Amino acid sequence: MIVLGVESSCDETGFALYDTERGLLSHALHSQVAMHEEYGGVVPELASRDHIRRAIPLLDEVLKRANLPASNIDAIAYTQGPGLAGALLVGSSVACSLALALDKPVLGVHHLEGHLLSPLLASERPDFPFIALLVSGGHTQLMRVDGVGSYTLLGETLDDAAGEAFDKSAKLLGLGYPGGPAISQLAERGDPAAYKLPRPMLHSKDFNFSFSGLKTAVLTVVKNHDVKVISDIPEQDKANIARGFVDAIVDVLTAKCVSAMKHTGLSRLVIAGGVGANKQLRASLNAAAAKRKFKVYYPELEFCTDNGAMIAFAGAMRLERNPALAQRDYAFNVRPRWPLDELEAA
């Protein structure tokens, strides 16, 4: 079965073709980072318009790369939610219109399920069950994953997501948008002893997170420099602040993952979402796994951010287990807010 995946939930437009027998056939992705950079964050209206411009060229690209006519597609999966309403509408309308034209079934996919299952696209893939840390700009959650559609929420952020804290703290240091990669790179030159920033909820005895206070701590440190503009802070001191921030957030994420592994008795930990590409987080988790005797699995770096491959894969997994999910009702709708626990097991 060949499934076309369409992703347009925020600021990446992704298309991919996944074959349940041969694996991933092709994928193509366009990021809007350069467009949103001058605004310091995603502008929803601009995001929607750009998805419209990119959709058909990306579709043509994945078909060409796979050397596959559109008529060979067996089903189309698209991100139905959560995400920006206008952006979701672009992908869903393209997917459902194409499905109608080709007389193929269509399936709405949960964006977070795509992320949770994305490590299964890697050459070394985990078996069920496993603990998943979903960590991105919009989400920070710990889940127990027992199978496709079988997810138990263990804990989540009570305010800012980890990726959001990265972006906001980077902006406080004058690093621009997106801030995650920039602040992590700057932190590599920082002194870990210079600033000991708070580790929110590190000892809360649950699996929840809170990062808004950490962002406020960065703001306080910056203001204490009493400079007129951020650029007046010495580069080395900015690197020290960045190091303090990154160390704090990595310590919390690692500690919560270790606690979840101990609590459940499971031996496999999966990391998904854009922050999963962070090298400091990966190093910390790998060290913890070696010490605690569990295994960590990551998606390929190209699949950490939003992408069509994870949507094609998640759709294919659901359709394989329950072909009745394939619909030929092309009157689409989107779900900008869609709790993952409302998904039914496949």
C-alpha atoms as a PDB file:
ATOM      1  CA  MET A   1       0.000   0.000   0.000  1.00  0.00           C
ATOM      2  CA  ILE A   2       1.409   3.386  -1.030  1.00  0.00           C
ATOM      3  CA  VAL A   3       0.339   6.352   1.101  1.00  0.00           C
ATOM      4  CA  LEU A   4       0.893  10.007   0.279  1.00  0.00           C
ATOM      5  CA  GLY A   5       1.469  12.130   3.385  1.00  0.00           C
ATOM      6  CA  VAL A   6       0.684  15.860   3.537  1.00  0.00           C
ATOM      7  CA  GLU A   7       1.887  18.071   6.408  1.00  0.00           C
ATOM      8  CA  SER A   8       1.012  21.772   6.800  1.00  0.00           C
ATOM      9  CA  SER A   9       0.289  22.332  10.490  1.00  0.00           C
ATOM     10  CA  CYS A  10       2.580  25.328  11.040  1.00  0.00           C
ATOM     11  CA  ASP A  11       5.621  26.617   9.152  1.00  0.00           C
ATOM     12  CA  GLU A  12       6.793  23.585   7.155  1.00  0.00           C
ATOM     13  CA  THR A  13       5.129  22.196   4.047  1.00  0.00           C
ATOM     14  CA  GLY A  14       5.878  18.501   3.670  1.00  0.00           C
ATOM     15  CA  PHE A  15       4.936  15.780   1.197  1.00  0.00           C
ATOM     16  CA  ALA A  16       6.082  12.155   1.220  1.00  0.00           C
ATOM     17  CA  LEU A  17       5.312   8.736  -0.242  1.00  0.00           C
ATOM     18  CA  TYR A  18       5.479   5.688   2.019  1.00  0.00           C
ATOM     19  CA  ASP A  19       5.119   2.096   0.840  1.00  0.00           C
ATOM     20  CA  THR A  20       4.231  -0.478   3.496  1.00  0.00           C
ATOM     21  CA  GLU A  21       6.378  -3.032   1.654  1.00  0.00           C
ATOM     22  CA  ARG A  22       9.375  -0.951   0.543  1.00  0.00           C
ATOM     23  CA  GLY A  23       9.422   1.821   3.128  1.00  0.00           C
ATOM     24  CA  LEU A  24       9.850   5.527   2.453  1.00  0.00           C
ATOM     25  CA  LEU A  25       9.930   6.155  -1.295  1.00  0.00           C
ATOM     26  CA  SER A  26      10.492   9.912  -1.321  1.00  0.00           C
ATOM     27  CA  HIS A  27       9.877  13.068   0.656  1.00  0.00           C
ATOM     28  CA  ALA A  28      10.191  16.810   0.125  1.00  0.00           C
ATOM     29  CA  LEU A  29      10.008  19.663   2.604  1.00  0.00           C
ATOM     30  CA  HIS A  30       9.932  23.430   2.490  1.00  0.00           C
ATOM     31  CA  SER A  31      10.672  25.427   5.653  1.00  0.00           C
ATOM     32  CA  GLN A  32       9.335  28.940   6.119  1.00  0.00           C
ATOM     33  CA  VAL A  33      11.997  29.921   8.669  1.00  0.00           C
ATOM     34  CA  ALA A  34      13.574  32.573   6.442  1.00  0.00           C
ATOM     35  CA  MET A  35      10.181  34.183   5.794  1.00  0.00           C
ATOM     36  CA  HIS A  36       9.175  34.375   9.464  1.00  0.00           C
ATOM     37  CA  GLU A  37      12.621  35.339  10.770  1.00  0.00           C
ATOM     38  CA  GLU A  38      12.148  39.087  10.320  1.00  0.00           C
ATOM     39  CA  TYR A  39       8.971  38.945  12.446  1.00  0.00           C
ATOM     40  CA  GLY A  40      10.591  36.981  15.278  1.00  0.00           C
ATOM     41  CA  GLY A  41       8.041  34.146  15.034  1.00  0.00           C
ATOM     42  CA  VAL A  42       5.428  32.479  12.862  1.00  0.00           C
ATOM     43  CA  VAL A  43       2.844  34.784  11.250  1.00  0.00           C
ATOM     44  CA  PRO A  44      -0.202  32.513  10.654  1.00  0.00           C
ATOM     45  CA  GLU A  45      -1.577  34.323   7.593  1.00  0.00           C
ATOM     46  CA  LEU A  46       1.798  34.321   5.860  1.00  0.00           C
ATOM     47  CA  ALA A  47       2.260  30.659   6.746  1.00  0.00           C
ATOM     48  CA  SER A  48      -1.064  29.712   5.138  1.00  0.00           C
ATOM     49  CA  ARG A  49      -0.323  31.620   1.953  1.00  0.00           C
ATOM     50  CA  ASP A  50       3.090  30.030   1.623  1.00  0.00           C
ATOM     51  CA  HIS A  51       1.633  26.532   2.044  1.00  0.00           C
ATOM     52  CA  ILE A  52      -0.625  27.281  -0.935  1.00  0.00           C
ATOM     53  CA  ARG A  53       2.365  28.271  -3.068  1.00  0.00           C
ATOM     54  CA  ARG A  54       4.447  25.242  -2.123  1.00  0.00           C
ATOM     55  CA  ALA A  55       1.929  22.386  -2.095  1.00  0.00           C
ATOM     56  CA  ILE A  56       1.655  21.417  -5.766  1.00  0.00           C
ATOM     57  CA  PRO A  57       5.386  21.833  -6.595  1.00  0.00           C
ATOM     58  CA  LEU A  58       6.260  19.621  -3.609  1.00  0.00           C
ATOM     59  CA  LEU A  59       3.682  17.040  -4.675  1.00  0.00           C
ATOM     60  CA  ASP A  60       5.203  16.959  -8.158  1.00  0.00           C
ATOM     61  CA  GLU A  61       8.658  16.646  -6.606  1.00  0.00           C
ATOM     62  CA  VAL A  62       7.892  13.571  -4.486  1.00  0.00           C
ATOM     63  CA  LEU A  63       6.155  11.841  -7.398  1.00  0.00           C
ATOM     64  CA  LYS A  64       9.136  12.553  -9.640  1.00  0.00           C
ATOM     65  CA  ARG A  65      11.670  11.375  -7.052  1.00  0.00           C
ATOM     66  CA  ALA A  66       9.757   8.140  -6.557  1.00  0.00           C
ATOM     67  CA  ASN A  67       9.251   7.749 -10.319  1.00  0.00           C
ATOM     68  CA  LEU A  68       5.603   7.111  -9.563  1.00  0.00           C
ATOM     69  CA  PRO A  69       2.425   8.280 -11.303  1.00  0.00           C
ATOM     70  CA  ALA A  70      -0.207   9.778  -9.012  1.00  0.00           C
ATOM     71  CA  SER A  71      -2.611   7.014  -9.998  1.00  0.00           C
ATOM     72  CA  ASN A  72      -0.421   4.498  -8.115  1.00  0.00           C
ATOM     73  CA  ILE A  73      -1.171   6.159  -4.778  1.00  0.00           C
ATOM     74  CA  ASP A  74      -3.473   3.929  -2.721  1.00  0.00           C
ATOM     75  CA  ALA A  75      -4.456   6.429  -0.004  1.00  0.00           C
ATOM     76  CA  ILE A  76      -3.731   9.973   1.153  1.00  0.00           C
ATOM     77  CA  ALA A  77      -3.019  10.948   4.761  1.00  0.00           C
ATOM     78  CA  TYR A  78      -2.983  14.568   5.878  1.00  0.00           C
ATOM     79  CA  THR A  79      -2.436  16.443   9.116  1.00  0.00           C
ATOM     80  CA  GLN A  80      -5.905  17.213  10.462  1.00  0.00           C
ATOM     81  CA  GLY A  81      -4.638  18.806  13.674  1.00  0.00           C
ATOM     82  CA  PRO A  82      -3.501  20.199  15.974  1.00  0.00           C
ATOM     83  CA  GLY A  83      -1.924  23.294  14.481  1.00  0.00           C
ATOM     84  CA  LEU A  84      -2.733  26.663  12.928  1.00  0.00           C
ATOM     85  CA  ALA A  85      -6.256  26.543  11.521  1.00  0.00           C
ATOM     86  CA  GLY A  86      -5.461  28.305   8.241  1.00  0.00           C
ATOM     87  CA  ALA A  87      -2.334  26.239   7.646  1.00  0.00           C
ATOM     88  CA  LEU A  88      -4.187  22.992   8.356  1.00  0.00           C
ATOM     89  CA  LEU A  89      -6.926  23.978   5.924  1.00  0.00           C
ATOM     90  CA  VAL A  90      -4.427  24.255   3.082  1.00  0.00           C
ATOM     91  CA  GLY A  91      -3.040  20.751   3.525  1.00  0.00           C
ATOM     92  CA  SER A  92      -6.416  19.149   4.143  1.00  0.00           C
ATOM     93  CA  SER A  93      -8.016  20.818   1.123  1.00  0.00           C
ATOM     94  CA  VAL A  94      -5.146  19.771  -1.149  1.00  0.00           C
ATOM     95  CA  ALA A  95      -5.217  16.202   0.187  1.00  0.00           C
ATOM     96  CA  CYS A  96      -8.988  15.784  -0.071  1.00  0.00           C
ATOM     97  CA  SER A  97      -9.194  17.435  -3.491  1.00  0.00           C
ATOM     98  CA  LEU A  98      -6.466  15.173  -4.838  1.00  0.00           C
ATOM     99  CA  ALA A  99      -8.116  12.110  -3.281  1.00  0.00           C
ATOM    100  CA  LEU A 100     -11.412  13.056  -4.929  1.00  0.00           C
ATOM    101  CA  ALA A 101      -9.725  13.543  -8.296  1.00  0.00           C
ATOM    102  CA  LEU A 102      -7.922  10.195  -8.067  1.00  0.00           C
ATOM    103  CA  ASP A 103     -10.860   8.379  -6.425  1.00  0.00           C
ATOM    104  CA  LYS A 104      -8.649   7.344  -3.499  1.00  0.00           C
ATOM    105  CA  PRO A 105      -9.459   7.091   0.216  1.00  0.00           C
ATOM    106  CA  VAL A 106      -8.282   9.795   2.579  1.00  0.00           C
ATOM    107  CA  LEU A 107      -7.383   9.823   6.279  1.00  0.00           C
ATOM    108  CA  GLY A 108      -6.862  12.687   8.740  1.00  0.00           C
ATOM    109  CA  VAL A 109      -3.812  12.121  10.965  1.00  0.00           C
ATOM    110  CA  HIS A 110      -2.966  13.573  14.368  1.00  0.00           C
ATOM    111  CA  HIS A 111       0.193  15.670  14.070  1.00  0.00           C
ATOM    112  CA  LEU A 112       1.596  14.485  17.404  1.00  0.00           C
ATOM    113  CA  GLU A 113       1.013  10.853  16.500  1.00  0.00           C
ATOM    114  CA  GLY A 114       3.178  11.481  13.462  1.00  0.00           C
ATOM    115  CA  HIS A 115       5.967  12.738  15.717  1.00  0.00           C
ATOM    116  CA  LEU A 116       5.552   9.861  18.183  1.00  0.00           C
ATOM    117  CA  LEU A 117       5.898   7.275  15.432  1.00  0.00           C
ATOM    118  CA  SER A 118       8.640   9.060  13.451  1.00  0.00           C
ATOM    119  CA  PRO A 119      11.518   7.147  15.150  1.00  0.00           C
ATOM    120  CA  LEU A 120      10.038   4.001  13.559  1.00  0.00           C
ATOM    121  CA  LEU A 121      11.235   5.385  10.224  1.00  0.00           C
ATOM    122  CA  ALA A 122      14.860   5.062  11.379  1.00  0.00           C
ATOM    123  CA  SER A 123      17.041   2.089  10.493  1.00  0.00           C
ATOM    124  CA  GLU A 124      17.122   1.102  14.170  1.00  0.00           C
ATOM    125  CA  ARG A 125      13.514   1.220  15.267  1.00  0.00           C
ATOM    126  CA  PRO A 126      12.078   0.522  18.720  1.00  0.00           C
ATOM    127  CA  ASP A 127       9.521  -2.151  19.519  1.00  0.00           C
ATOM    128  CA  PHE A 128       6.362  -1.369  21.484  1.00  0.00           C
ATOM    129  CA  PRO A 129       5.901  -0.528  24.295  1.00  0.00           C
ATOM    130  CA  PHE A 130       8.130   2.462  24.949  1.00  0.00           C
ATOM    131  CA  ILE A 131       8.211   5.822  26.709  1.00  0.00           C
ATOM    132  CA  ALA A 132       8.183   8.813  24.370  1.00  0.00           C
ATOM    133  CA  LEU A 133       9.357  12.329  25.115  1.00  0.00           C
ATOM    134  CA  LEU A 134       7.620  14.622  22.647  1.00  0.00           C
ATOM    135  CA  VAL A 135       9.561  17.855  22.830  1.00  0.00           C
ATOM    136  CA  SER A 136       9.035  20.694  20.354  1.00  0.00           C
ATOM    137  CA  GLY A 137       8.144  24.365  20.033  1.00  0.00           C
ATOM    138  CA  GLY A 138       4.527  23.711  20.913  1.00  0.00           C
ATOM    139  CA  HIS A 139       4.595  20.572  23.031  1.00  0.00           C
ATOM    140  CA  THR A 140       6.494  18.942  25.862  1.00  0.00           C
ATOM    141  CA  GLN A 141       4.902  15.654  26.911  1.00  0.00           C
ATOM    142  CA  LEU A 142       5.901  12.294  28.297  1.00  0.00           C
ATOM    143  CA  MET A 143       3.834   9.419  26.915  1.00  0.00           C
ATOM    144  CA  ARG A 144       3.631   5.688  27.357  1.00  0.00           C
ATOM    145  CA  VAL A 145       3.176   4.201  23.888  1.00  0.00           C
ATOM    146  CA  ASP A 146       1.805   0.642  23.777  1.00  0.00           C
ATOM    147  CA  GLY A 147       0.947   0.601  20.075  1.00  0.00           C
ATOM    148  CA  VAL A 148      -0.406   2.694  17.234  1.00  0.00           C
ATOM    149  CA  GLY A 149      -3.176   4.774  18.771  1.00  0.00           C
ATOM    150  CA  SER A 150      -2.532   3.472  22.289  1.00  0.00           C
ATOM    151  CA  TYR A 151      -1.045   6.426  24.173  1.00  0.00           C
ATOM    152  CA  THR A 152      -1.086   7.210  27.882  1.00  0.00           C
ATOM    153  CA  LEU A 153      -0.134  10.728  28.945  1.00  0.00           C
ATOM    154  CA  LEU A 154       2.249  10.625  31.900  1.00  0.00           C
ATOM    155  CA  GLY A 155       3.008  14.335  32.138  1.00  0.00           C
ATOM    156  CA  GLU A 156       3.196  17.569  30.166  1.00  0.00           C
ATOM    157  CA  THR A 157       4.259  21.181  30.417  1.00  0.00           C
ATOM    158  CA  LEU A 158       2.068  23.435  32.524  1.00  0.00           C
ATOM    159  CA  ASP A 159       3.092  26.554  30.569  1.00  0.00           C
ATOM    160  CA  ASP A 160       5.797  27.088  27.936  1.00  0.00           C
ATOM    161  CA  ALA A 161       6.942  24.141  25.870  1.00  0.00           C
ATOM    162  CA  ALA A 162      10.681  23.437  25.847  1.00  0.00           C
ATOM    163  CA  GLY A 163      11.101  24.651  22.268  1.00  0.00           C
ATOM    164  CA  GLU A 164       9.153  27.792  23.092  1.00  0.00           C
ATOM    165  CA  ALA A 165      11.477  28.461  26.032  1.00  0.00           C
ATOM    166  CA  PHE A 166      14.467  28.010  23.710  1.00  0.00           C
ATOM    167  CA  ASP A 167      13.079  30.547  21.231  1.00  0.00           C
ATOM    168  CA  LYS A 168      12.065  33.107  23.865  1.00  0.00           C
ATOM    169  CA  SER A 169      15.361  32.885  25.742  1.00  0.00           C
ATOM    170  CA  ALA A 170      17.305  33.165  22.492  1.00  0.00           C
ATOM    171  CA  LYS A 171      15.366  36.318  21.660  1.00  0.00           C
ATOM    172  CA  LEU A 172      16.287  37.773  25.071  1.00  0.00           C
ATOM    173  CA  LEU A 173      19.930  37.250  24.106  1.00  0.00           C
ATOM    174  CA  GLY A 174      19.435  38.932  20.738  1.00  0.00           C
ATOM    175  CA  LEU A 175      19.839  35.717  18.755  1.00  0.00           C
ATOM    176  CA  GLY A 176      16.771  36.064  16.548  1.00  0.00           C
ATOM    177  CA  TYR A 177      14.411  33.345  15.287  1.00  0.00           C
ATOM    178  CA  PRO A 178      14.416  30.372  15.368  1.00  0.00           C
ATOM    179  CA  GLY A 179      16.304  30.449  18.622  1.00  0.00           C
ATOM    180  CA  GLY A 180      16.817  26.792  19.488  1.00  0.00           C
ATOM    181  CA  PRO A 181      19.804  25.995  17.261  1.00  0.00           C
ATOM    182  CA  ALA A 182      21.368  29.432  17.867  1.00  0.00           C
ATOM    183  CA  ILE A 183      21.278  29.305  21.661  1.00  0.00           C
ATOM    184  CA  SER A 184      22.529  25.707  21.695  1.00  0.00           C
ATOM    185  CA  GLN A 185      25.462  26.631  19.483  1.00  0.00           C
ATOM    186  CA  LEU A 186      26.266  29.662  21.625  1.00  0.00           C
ATOM    187  CA  ALA A 187      26.070  27.530  24.789  1.00  0.00           C
ATOM    188  CA  GLU A 188      28.926  25.352  23.550  1.00  0.00           C
ATOM    189  CA  ARG A 189      31.304  28.257  24.244  1.00  0.00           C
ATOM    190  CA  GLY A 190      29.837  29.011  27.679  1.00  0.00           C
ATOM    191  CA  ASP A 191      31.157  28.321  31.160  1.00  0.00           C
ATOM    192  CA  PRO A 192      28.791  25.913  32.987  1.00  0.00           C
ATOM    193  CA  ALA A 193      29.792  27.383  36.362  1.00  0.00           C
ATOM    194  CA  ALA A 194      29.023  31.010  35.464  1.00  0.00           C
ATOM    195  CA  TYR A 195      25.232  30.908  35.936  1.00  0.00           C
ATOM    196  CA  LYS A 196      23.282  28.294  37.879  1.00  0.00           C
ATOM    197  CA  LEU A 197      19.742  28.840  36.628  1.00  0.00           C
ATOM    198  CA  PRO A 198      16.688  27.190  38.235  1.00  0.00           C
ATOM    199  CA  ARG A 199      15.542  23.692  37.291  1.00  0.00           C
ATOM    200  CA  PRO A 200      11.732  24.111  37.467  1.00  0.00           C
ATOM    201  CA  MET A 201       9.802  21.113  38.831  1.00  0.00           C
ATOM    202  CA  LEU A 202      12.924  18.975  38.912  1.00  0.00           C
ATOM    203  CA  HIS A 203      11.837  17.476  42.240  1.00  0.00           C
ATOM    204  CA  SER A 204       8.056  17.668  41.786  1.00  0.00           C
ATOM    205  CA  LYS A 205       7.682  13.853  42.030  1.00  0.00           C
ATOM    206  CA  ASP A 206       5.529  13.792  38.898  1.00  0.00           C
ATOM    207  CA  PHE A 207       6.185  13.924  35.154  1.00  0.00           C
ATOM    208  CA  ASN A 208       5.040  17.480  34.482  1.00  0.00           C
ATOM    209  CA  PHE A 209       7.214  20.344  33.269  1.00  0.00           C
ATOM    210  CA  SER A 210       7.323  24.126  33.612  1.00  0.00           C
ATOM    211  CA  PHE A 211       9.684  26.362  31.666  1.00  0.00           C
ATOM    212  CA  SER A 212       8.241  29.876  31.930  1.00  0.00           C
ATOM    213  CA  GLY A 213      10.165  30.496  35.158  1.00  0.00           C
ATOM    214  CA  LEU A 214      13.414  29.489  33.505  1.00  0.00           C
ATOM    215  CA  LYS A 215      12.768  31.999  30.730  1.00  0.00           C
ATOM    216  CA  THR A 216      12.094  34.656  33.394  1.00  0.00           C
ATOM    217  CA  ALA A 217      15.390  33.770  35.078  1.00  0.00           C
ATOM    218  CA  VAL A 218      17.201  34.425  31.794  1.00  0.00           C
ATOM    219  CA  LEU A 219      15.396  37.772  31.527  1.00  0.00           C
ATOM    220  CA  THR A 220      16.480  38.695  35.052  1.00  0.00           C
ATOM    221  CA  VAL A 221      20.127  37.859  34.343  1.00  0.00           C
ATOM    222  CA  VAL A 222      20.038  39.923  31.145  1.00  0.00           C
ATOM    223  CA  LYS A 223      18.448  42.915  32.913  1.00  0.00           C
ATOM    224  CA  ASN A 224      21.055  42.746  35.680  1.00  0.00           C
ATOM    225  CA  HIS A 225      23.681  43.709  33.122  1.00  0.00           C
ATOM    226  CA  ASP A 226      22.090  47.173  32.969  1.00  0.00           C
ATOM    227  CA  VAL A 227      22.933  47.801  29.320  1.00  0.00           C
ATOM    228  CA  LYS A 228      20.999  49.893  26.816  1.00  0.00           C
ATOM    229  CA  VAL A 229      21.007  47.201  24.120  1.00  0.00           C
ATOM    230  CA  ILE A 230      21.608  43.452  24.237  1.00  0.00           C
ATOM    231  CA  SER A 231      24.577  43.770  21.903  1.00  0.00           C
ATOM    232  CA  ASP A 232      26.437  45.608  24.701  1.00  0.00           C
ATOM    233  CA  ILE A 233      26.604  42.401  26.747  1.00  0.00           C
ATOM    234  CA  PRO A 234      30.007  40.769  26.130  1.00  0.00           C
ATOM    235  CA  GLU A 235      29.795  37.753  23.823  1.00  0.00           C
ATOM    236  CA  GLN A 236      31.404  35.456  26.368  1.00  0.00           C
ATOM    237  CA  ASP A 237      28.846  36.430  28.992  1.00  0.00           C
ATOM    238  CA  LYS A 238      26.007  35.787  26.555  1.00  0.00           C
ATOM    239  CA  ALA A 239      27.534  32.374  25.924  1.00  0.00           C
ATOM    240  CA  ASN A 240      27.645  31.761  29.699  1.00  0.00           C
ATOM    241  CA  ILE A 241      23.954  32.675  30.032  1.00  0.00           C
ATOM    242  CA  ALA A 242      23.103  30.408  27.118  1.00  0.00           C
ATOM    243  CA  ARG A 243      25.045  27.575  28.743  1.00  0.00           C
ATOM    244  CA  GLY A 244      23.208  28.072  32.019  1.00  0.00           C
ATOM    245  CA  PHE A 245      19.865  27.973  30.226  1.00  0.00           C
ATOM    246  CA  VAL A 246      20.619  24.925  28.099  1.00  0.00           C
ATOM    247  CA  ASP A 247      22.065  22.972  31.028  1.00  0.00           C
ATOM    248  CA  ALA A 248      18.961  23.714  33.107  1.00  0.00           C
ATOM    249  CA  ILE A 249      16.454  22.629  30.494  1.00  0.00           C
ATOM    250  CA  VAL A 250      18.444  19.520  29.565  1.00  0.00           C
ATOM    251  CA  ASP A 251      18.765  18.505  33.217  1.00  0.00           C
ATOM    252  CA  VAL A 252      14.991  18.716  33.711  1.00  0.00           C
ATOM    253  CA  LEU A 253      14.132  16.810  30.532  1.00  0.00           C
ATOM    254  CA  THR A 254      16.658  14.096  31.316  1.00  0.00           C
ATOM    255  CA  ALA A 255      15.559  13.704  34.935  1.00  0.00           C
ATOM    256  CA  LYS A 256      11.891  13.400  33.990  1.00  0.00           C
ATOM    257  CA  CYS A 257      12.695  10.785  31.347  1.00  0.00           C
ATOM    258  CA  VAL A 258      14.753   8.747  33.804  1.00  0.00           C
ATOM    259  CA  SER A 259      11.913   8.926  36.353  1.00  0.00           C
ATOM    260  CA  ALA A 260       9.388   7.768  33.751  1.00  0.00           C
ATOM    261  CA  MET A 261      11.577   4.824  32.785  1.00  0.00           C
ATOM    262  CA  LYS A 262      11.969   3.816  36.426  1.00  0.00           C
ATOM    263  CA  HIS A 263       8.253   4.265  37.150  1.00  0.00           C
ATOM    264  CA  THR A 264       7.066   2.131  34.220  1.00  0.00           C
ATOM    265  CA  GLY A 265       9.859  -0.422  34.202  1.00  0.00           C
ATOM    266  CA  LEU A 266      10.213  -0.084  30.439  1.00  0.00           C
ATOM    267  CA  SER A 267      13.589  -0.269  28.714  1.00  0.00           C
ATOM    268  CA  ARG A 268      13.039   1.842  25.582  1.00  0.00           C
ATOM    269  CA  LEU A 269      12.855   5.633  25.389  1.00  0.00           C
ATOM    270  CA  VAL A 270      11.893   7.430  22.184  1.00  0.00           C
ATOM    271  CA  ILE A 271      12.623  11.123  21.575  1.00  0.00           C
ATOM    272  CA  ALA A 272      10.450  12.969  19.051  1.00  0.00           C
ATOM    273  CA  GLY A 273       9.963  16.572  17.970  1.00  0.00           C
ATOM    274  CA  GLY A 274      12.252  19.411  16.919  1.00  0.00           C
ATOM    275  CA  VAL A 275      14.113  19.749  20.233  1.00  0.00           C
ATOM    276  CA  GLY A 276      15.047  16.079  19.845  1.00  0.00           C
ATOM    277  CA  ALA A 277      17.734  17.280  17.433  1.00  0.00           C
ATOM    278  CA  ASN A 278      19.485  19.212  20.222  1.00  0.00           C
ATOM    279  CA  LYS A 279      22.979  17.758  20.683  1.00  0.00           C
ATOM    280  CA  GLN A 280      23.225  18.616  24.398  1.00  0.00           C
ATOM    281  CA  LEU A 281      19.953  16.819  25.102  1.00  0.00           C
ATOM    282  CA  ARG A 282      21.051  13.791  23.102  1.00  0.00           C
ATOM    283  CA  ALA A 283      24.372  13.616  24.942  1.00  0.00           C
ATOM    284  CA  SER A 284      22.666  13.865  28.339  1.00  0.00           C
ATOM    285  CA  LEU A 285      20.060  11.211  27.522  1.00  0.00           C
ATOM    286  CA  ASN A 286      22.667   8.862  26.078  1.00  0.00           C
ATOM    287  CA  ALA A 287      24.750   9.192  29.245  1.00  0.00           C
ATOM    288  CA  ALA A 288      21.706   8.545  31.432  1.00  0.00           C
ATOM    289  CA  ALA A 289      20.719   5.532  29.326  1.00  0.00           C
ATOM    290  CA  ALA A 290      24.192   4.015  29.614  1.00  0.00           C
ATOM    291  CA  LYS A 291      24.117   4.451  33.381  1.00  0.00           C
ATOM    292  CA  ARG A 292      20.521   3.267  33.893  1.00  0.00           C
ATOM    293  CA  LYS A 293      20.639   0.454  31.303  1.00  0.00           C
ATOM    294  CA  PHE A 294      17.904   1.557  28.936  1.00  0.00           C
ATOM    295  CA  LYS A 295      17.972   2.300  25.208  1.00  0.00           C
ATOM    296  CA  VAL A 296      17.249   5.671  23.563  1.00  0.00           C
ATOM    297  CA  TYR A 297      15.871   5.965  20.039  1.00  0.00           C
ATOM    298  CA  TYR A 298      15.821   9.133  17.940  1.00  0.00           C
ATOM    299  CA  PRO A 299      14.264   9.980  14.595  1.00  0.00           C
ATOM    300  CA  GLU A 300      16.659  10.823  11.798  1.00  0.00           C
ATOM    301  CA  LEU A 301      17.612  14.498  12.077  1.00  0.00           C
ATOM    302  CA  GLU A 302      15.644  15.351   8.922  1.00  0.00           C
ATOM    303  CA  PHE A 303      12.497  13.967  10.573  1.00  0.00           C
ATOM    304  CA  CYS A 304      12.789  15.825  13.892  1.00  0.00           C
ATOM    305  CA  THR A 305      10.971  18.866  12.518  1.00  0.00           C
ATOM    306  CA  ASP A 306       7.490  18.687  10.967  1.00  0.00           C
ATOM    307  CA  ASN A 307       7.534  16.630   7.773  1.00  0.00           C
ATOM    308  CA  GLY A 308       5.333  14.688   5.384  1.00  0.00           C
ATOM    309  CA  ALA A 309       7.130  11.383   5.960  1.00  0.00           C
ATOM    310  CA  MET A 310       5.849  11.017   9.516  1.00  0.00           C
ATOM    311  CA  ILE A 311       2.284  11.724   8.363  1.00  0.00           C
ATOM    312  CA  ALA A 312       2.505   9.220   5.513  1.00  0.00           C
ATOM    313  CA  PHE A 313       3.937   6.639   7.909  1.00  0.00           C
ATOM    314  CA  ALA A 314       1.361   7.220  10.657  1.00  0.00           C
ATOM    315  CA  GLY A 315      -1.441   7.026   8.081  1.00  0.00           C
ATOM    316  CA  ALA A 316      -0.036   3.811   6.637  1.00  0.00           C
ATOM    317  CA  MET A 317       0.269   2.200  10.077  1.00  0.00           C
ATOM    318  CA  ARG A 318      -3.340   3.017  10.898  1.00  0.00           C
ATOM    319  CA  LEU A 319      -4.672   1.851   7.549  1.00  0.00           C
ATOM    320  CA  GLU A 320      -2.706  -1.397   7.749  1.00  0.00           C
ATOM    321  CA  ARG A 321      -4.297  -2.202  11.070  1.00  0.00           C
ATOM    322  CA  ASN A 322      -7.778  -0.983  10.206  1.00  0.00           C
ATOM    323  CA  PRO A 323      -8.549  -0.515   6.473  1.00  0.00           C
ATOM    324  CA  ALA A 324     -12.043   0.685   7.426  1.00  0.00           C
ATOM    325  CA  LEU A 325     -10.483   3.997   8.511  1.00  0.00           C
ATOM    326  CA  ALA A 326     -10.029   4.909   4.853  1.00  0.00           C
ATOM    327  CA  GLN A 327     -12.817   7.329   3.954  1.00  0.00           C
ATOM    328  CA  ARG A 328     -14.173   8.547   0.637  1.00  0.00           C
ATOM    329  CA  ASP A 329     -16.063  11.422   2.193  1.00  0.00           C
ATOM    330  CA  TYR A 330     -14.079  14.378   0.927  1.00  0.00           C
ATOM    331  CA  ALA A 331     -15.880  17.047   2.987  1.00  0.00           C
ATOM    332  CA  PHE A 332     -12.844  17.835   5.127  1.00  0.00           C
ATOM    333  CA  ASN A 333     -12.507  19.596   8.449  1.00  0.00           C
ATOM    334  CA  VAL A 334      -9.543  20.467  10.655  1.00  0.00           C
ATOM    335  CA  ARG A 335      -8.951  20.277  14.397  1.00  0.00           C
ATOM    336  CA  PRO A 336      -6.595  23.061  15.540  1.00  0.00           C
ATOM    337  CA  ARG A 337      -6.978  21.780  19.102  1.00  0.00           C
ATOM    338  CA  TRP A 338      -7.013  17.999  19.267  1.00  0.00           C
ATOM    339  CA  PRO A 339      -5.945  16.209  22.462  1.00  0.00           C
ATOM    340  CA  LEU A 340      -3.909  13.125  21.672  1.00  0.00           C
ATOM    341  CA  ASP A 341      -5.807  11.050  24.220  1.00  0.00           C
ATOM    342  CA  GLU A 342      -8.942  11.378  22.067  1.00  0.00           C
ATOM    343  CA  LEU A 343      -7.353   9.117  19.448  1.00  0.00           C
ATOM    344  CA  GLU A 344      -8.630   5.576  19.290  1.00  0.00           C
ATOM    345  CA  ALA A 345      -6.307   2.588  19.029  1.00  0.00           C
ATOM    346  CA  ALA A 346      -5.846   1.419  15.458  1.00  0.00           C
END
